[in-house]
Amino acid sequence: MSLALLLDEDSQAKYLISLLKAAGHDVQTINEAGIGGVSDDAVLDYATQQSRVLLTRNCSDFLDLHQVPFAHSGILAVYQDAEPAKNMSYRAIATAIGNLETSGVPIANQFIVLNQWNY
């Protein structure tokens, strides 16, 4: 099983992209989509139109958008800590997505904190 992912501006590291593609995911960045610099609601709208799950570290803004009644393909949020040592590595993000997939938890229309899937 694999996901069609759209990576937000804050999640476009080449190493992360490589890990996600190696795990079998269909990965597109917002720069590749030609929507870099657009508003968050436009990013979520694009992800929805393309049936892609959004991966972002911009948690608060996308949580606000998620709370508006609006169907979307899902939002995977990675929370950052003030202490960098506590932040998820790119490998941990890829692992968390795999753990989420394996669980069978529905992703569409959900705001999922990936930090909770890092085990």
Protein backbone atom coordinates (compact mmCIF):
# COMPACT_ATOMS: atom_id res chain seq x y z
CA MET A 1 0.00 0.00 0.00
CA SER A 2 1.23 3.48 -0.72
CA LEU A 3 0.00 7.01 -0.39
CA ALA A 4 -0.17 9.85 -2.88
CA LEU A 5 1.49 12.63 -0.88
CA LEU A 6 1.82 16.37 -1.35
CA LEU A 7 4.71 17.80 0.65
CA ASP A 8 4.25 21.32 1.97
CA GLU A 9 7.02 23.91 1.62
CA ASP A 10 8.40 23.03 5.05
CA SER A 11 8.71 19.32 4.22
CA GLN A 12 10.49 19.23 0.87
CA ALA A 13 13.90 17.94 1.97
CA LYS A 14 15.47 15.74 -0.71
CA TYR A 15 16.34 13.03 1.81
CA LEU A 16 12.74 12.85 3.07
CA ILE A 17 11.47 12.67 -0.51
CA SER A 18 13.94 9.87 -1.23
CA LEU A 19 12.85 7.89 1.85
CA LEU A 20 9.16 8.27 1.02
CA LYS A 21 9.66 7.25 -2.62
CA ALA A 22 11.76 4.25 -1.52
CA ALA A 23 8.81 3.22 0.68
CA GLY A 24 6.62 3.20 -2.45
CA HIS A 25 4.78 6.49 -1.99
CA ASP A 26 3.82 8.77 -4.87
CA VAL A 27 5.44 12.02 -3.74
CA GLN A 28 4.89 15.50 -5.14
CA THR A 29 6.16 18.74 -3.63
CA ILE A 30 4.27 21.99 -3.86
CA ASN A 31 7.19 23.39 -5.85
CA GLU A 32 6.82 20.57 -8.40
CA ALA A 33 3.10 21.33 -8.49
CA GLY A 34 3.87 24.99 -9.22
CA ILE A 35 2.03 26.26 -6.17
CA GLY A 36 4.91 27.38 -3.97
CA GLY A 37 4.08 30.52 -2.01
CA VAL A 38 0.29 30.20 -2.29
CA SER A 39 -2.00 30.37 0.73
CA ASP A 40 -2.49 27.33 2.96
CA ASP A 41 -6.11 26.96 1.91
CA ALA A 42 -5.01 26.89 -1.75
CA VAL A 43 -2.45 24.18 -0.90
CA LEU A 44 -5.11 22.07 0.83
CA ASP A 45 -7.51 22.65 -2.04
CA TYR A 46 -4.87 21.51 -4.55
CA ALA A 47 -4.10 18.40 -2.47
CA THR A 48 -7.81 17.59 -2.36
CA GLN A 49 -8.29 18.09 -6.11
CA GLN A 50 -5.30 15.82 -6.79
CA SER A 51 -6.40 13.21 -4.18
CA ARG A 52 -3.15 13.68 -2.28
CA VAL A 53 -2.57 13.52 1.46
CA LEU A 54 -0.81 16.66 2.67
CA LEU A 55 2.36 16.32 4.77
CA THR A 56 3.20 19.49 6.71
CA ARG A 57 4.98 20.91 9.74
CA ASN A 58 2.65 23.93 9.65
CA CYS A 59 0.35 22.27 12.13
CA SER A 60 -1.64 25.13 13.62
CA ASP A 61 -2.67 26.68 10.30
CA PHE A 62 -3.72 23.37 8.78
CA LEU A 63 -5.51 22.29 11.96
CA ASP A 64 -7.57 25.49 11.64
CA LEU A 65 -8.36 24.66 8.00
CA HIS A 66 -9.23 21.07 8.93
CA GLN A 67 -11.79 22.30 11.46
CA VAL A 68 -13.74 24.08 8.72
CA PRO A 69 -16.31 21.63 7.30
CA PHE A 70 -14.45 20.69 4.14
CA ALA A 71 -13.71 17.29 2.62
CA HIS A 72 -10.01 16.64 2.02
CA SER A 73 -7.70 13.69 1.41
CA GLY A 74 -6.08 13.96 4.83
CA ILE A 75 -3.45 16.02 6.62
CA LEU A 76 -0.36 14.45 8.19
CA ALA A 77 1.10 16.90 10.69
CA VAL A 78 4.59 16.80 12.19
CA TYR A 79 4.88 18.90 15.33
CA GLN A 80 8.20 20.58 16.06
CA ASP A 81 9.55 20.96 19.59
CA ALA A 82 11.45 23.94 20.92
CA GLU A 83 14.25 21.46 21.69
CA PRO A 84 15.52 20.20 18.30
CA ALA A 85 16.65 16.87 19.76
CA LYS A 86 12.98 15.99 20.30
CA ASN A 87 11.98 16.59 16.68
CA MET A 88 11.24 13.73 14.32
CA SER A 89 14.00 12.82 11.88
CA TYR A 90 13.16 12.28 8.22
CA ARG A 91 13.53 8.53 8.76
CA ALA A 92 11.13 8.74 11.74
CA ILE A 93 8.59 10.58 9.58
CA ALA A 94 8.78 7.88 6.89
CA THR A 95 8.47 5.17 9.55
CA ALA A 96 5.48 6.89 11.16
CA ILE A 97 3.70 7.05 7.80
CA GLY A 98 4.36 3.34 7.33
CA ASN A 99 3.02 2.59 10.82
CA LEU A 100 -0.10 4.63 10.09
CA GLU A 101 -0.65 2.83 6.80
CA THR A 102 -0.21 -0.58 8.40
CA SER A 103 -2.79 0.26 11.07
CA GLY A 104 -5.54 0.73 8.49
CA VAL A 105 -6.72 3.94 10.17
CA PRO A 106 -8.67 6.03 7.63
CA ILE A 107 -6.74 9.12 6.54
CA ALA A 108 -9.28 10.98 4.39
CA ASN A 109 -10.79 13.99 6.15
CA GLN A 110 -8.52 13.47 9.16
CA PHE A 111 -5.84 15.60 10.80
CA ILE A 112 -3.29 13.05 11.97
CA VAL A 113 -0.34 13.91 14.18
CA LEU A 114 2.51 11.75 12.91
CA ASN A 115 4.50 12.20 16.12
CA GLN A 116 2.04 9.78 17.74
CA TRP A 117 2.84 7.12 15.10
CA ASN A 118 6.61 7.22 15.67
CA TYR A 119 7.33 3.88 17.35
